[in-house]
Amino acid sequence: MFSEVKVTEIYCMAGDSCKEFTRQQENIWLKTNISNIATSTTV
């Protein structure tokens, strides 16, 4: 059985991981959109 402290630690690690994943996805989204805008304006 896990202690309450260990469960809290795992929960926080998962939360941090989700935050980092979200930041990376937003950066990819922005780069893709900027690239698409640059491509569409040069046509």
N, C-alpha and C. Protein backbone atom coordinates (compact mmCIF):
# COMPACT_ATOMS: atom_id res chain seq x y z
N MET A 1 0.84 -1.19 0.00
CA MET A 1 0.00 0.00 0.00
C MET A 1 0.89 1.25 0.00
N PHE A 2 0.47 2.26 -0.72
CA PHE A 2 1.23 3.50 -0.79
C PHE A 2 0.86 4.41 0.38
N SER A 3 1.87 5.14 0.85
CA SER A 3 1.60 6.12 1.90
C SER A 3 0.97 7.36 1.26
N GLU A 4 0.33 8.16 2.07
CA GLU A 4 -0.32 9.37 1.59
C GLU A 4 0.70 10.32 0.96
N VAL A 5 1.89 10.39 1.52
CA VAL A 5 2.95 11.26 0.99
C VAL A 5 3.36 10.79 -0.41
N LYS A 6 3.49 9.48 -0.59
CA LYS A 6 3.91 8.95 -1.88
C LYS A 6 2.84 9.21 -2.94
N VAL A 7 1.58 9.04 -2.58
CA VAL A 7 0.48 9.31 -3.52
C VAL A 7 0.49 10.78 -3.92
N THR A 8 0.69 11.66 -2.97
CA THR A 8 0.75 13.10 -3.24
C THR A 8 1.92 13.41 -4.17
N GLU A 9 3.07 12.78 -3.91
CA GLU A 9 4.25 13.00 -4.74
C GLU A 9 3.99 12.55 -6.19
N ILE A 10 3.39 11.39 -6.36
CA ILE A 10 3.08 10.88 -7.70
C ILE A 10 2.08 11.81 -8.39
N TYR A 11 1.08 12.25 -7.66
CA TYR A 11 0.07 13.16 -8.20
C TYR A 11 0.72 14.45 -8.69
N CYS A 12 1.62 15.01 -7.92
CA CYS A 12 2.30 16.25 -8.30
C CYS A 12 3.21 16.04 -9.51
N MET A 13 3.89 14.90 -9.56
CA MET A 13 4.75 14.60 -10.71
C MET A 13 3.91 14.50 -11.99
N ALA A 14 2.76 13.87 -11.89
CA ALA A 14 1.87 13.74 -13.05
C ALA A 14 1.38 15.12 -13.49
N GLY A 15 1.03 15.95 -12.53
CA GLY A 15 0.57 17.30 -12.84
C GLY A 15 1.64 18.12 -13.52
N ASP A 16 2.87 18.02 -13.03
CA ASP A 16 3.99 18.74 -13.65
C ASP A 16 4.23 18.24 -15.06
N SER A 17 4.13 16.94 -15.24
CA SER A 17 4.32 16.35 -16.56
C SER A 17 3.26 16.85 -17.53
N CYS A 18 2.03 16.93 -17.08
CA CYS A 18 0.94 17.42 -17.94
C CYS A 18 1.15 18.88 -18.31
N LYS A 19 1.62 19.69 -17.37
CA LYS A 19 1.87 21.10 -17.64
C LYS A 19 2.96 21.25 -18.70
N GLU A 20 4.02 20.46 -18.58
CA GLU A 20 5.12 20.53 -19.54
C GLU A 20 4.65 20.07 -20.92
N PHE A 21 3.86 19.01 -20.96
CA PHE A 21 3.32 18.52 -22.23
C PHE A 21 2.47 19.60 -22.89
N THR A 22 1.63 20.27 -22.11
CA THR A 22 0.77 21.32 -22.64
C THR A 22 1.59 22.46 -23.20
N ARG A 23 2.65 22.86 -22.50
CA ARG A 23 3.53 23.94 -22.99
C ARG A 23 4.16 23.56 -24.32
N GLN A 24 4.64 22.32 -24.41
CA GLN A 24 5.27 21.88 -25.65
C GLN A 24 4.27 21.85 -26.79
N GLN A 25 3.07 21.38 -26.53
CA GLN A 25 2.04 21.33 -27.57
C GLN A 25 1.67 22.73 -28.04
N GLU A 26 1.59 23.68 -27.11
CA GLU A 26 1.28 25.06 -27.48
C GLU A 26 2.39 25.64 -28.36
N ASN A 27 3.64 25.34 -28.03
CA ASN A 27 4.76 25.83 -28.84
C ASN A 27 4.71 25.25 -30.24
N ILE A 28 4.42 23.97 -30.35
CA ILE A 28 4.31 23.33 -31.66
C ILE A 28 3.16 23.95 -32.44
N TRP A 29 2.04 24.16 -31.79
CA TRP A 29 0.87 24.75 -32.43
C TRP A 29 1.20 26.15 -32.95
N LEU A 30 1.88 26.95 -32.12
CA LEU A 30 2.24 28.30 -32.54
C LEU A 30 3.18 28.28 -33.74
N LYS A 31 4.20 27.42 -33.68
CA LYS A 31 5.16 27.34 -34.78
C LYS A 31 4.46 26.90 -36.06
N THR A 32 3.55 25.96 -35.96
CA THR A 32 2.82 25.48 -37.14
C THR A 32 1.96 26.59 -37.72
N ASN A 33 1.26 27.31 -36.87
CA ASN A 33 0.40 28.39 -37.35
C ASN A 33 1.21 29.53 -37.95
N ILE A 34 2.32 29.87 -37.34
CA ILE A 34 3.17 30.92 -37.89
C ILE A 34 3.70 30.50 -39.25
N SER A 35 4.09 29.25 -39.36
CA SER A 35 4.57 28.72 -40.63
C SER A 35 3.47 28.75 -41.68
N ASN A 36 2.27 28.37 -41.31
CA ASN A 36 1.15 28.38 -42.24
C ASN A 36 0.80 29.80 -42.68
N ILE A 37 0.85 30.73 -41.77
CA ILE A 37 0.55 32.13 -42.10
C ILE A 37 1.62 32.67 -43.06
N ALA A 38 2.87 32.38 -42.77
CA ALA A 38 3.96 32.85 -43.64
C ALA A 38 3.82 32.25 -45.03
N THR A 39 3.43 31.01 -45.10
CA THR A 39 3.28 30.33 -46.40
C THR A 39 2.09 30.92 -47.17
N SER A 40 1.00 31.17 -46.48
CA SER A 40 -0.21 31.66 -47.17
C SER A 40 -0.06 33.11 -47.62
N THR A 41 0.78 33.89 -46.96
CA THR A 41 0.92 35.29 -47.35
C THR A 41 1.89 35.44 -48.52
N THR A 42 2.72 34.44 -48.76
CA THR A 42 3.68 34.55 -49.86
C THR A 42 3.12 34.02 -51.17
N VAL A 43 1.95 33.42 -51.12
CA VAL A 43 1.36 32.82 -52.31
C VAL A 43 0.72 33.88 -53.17
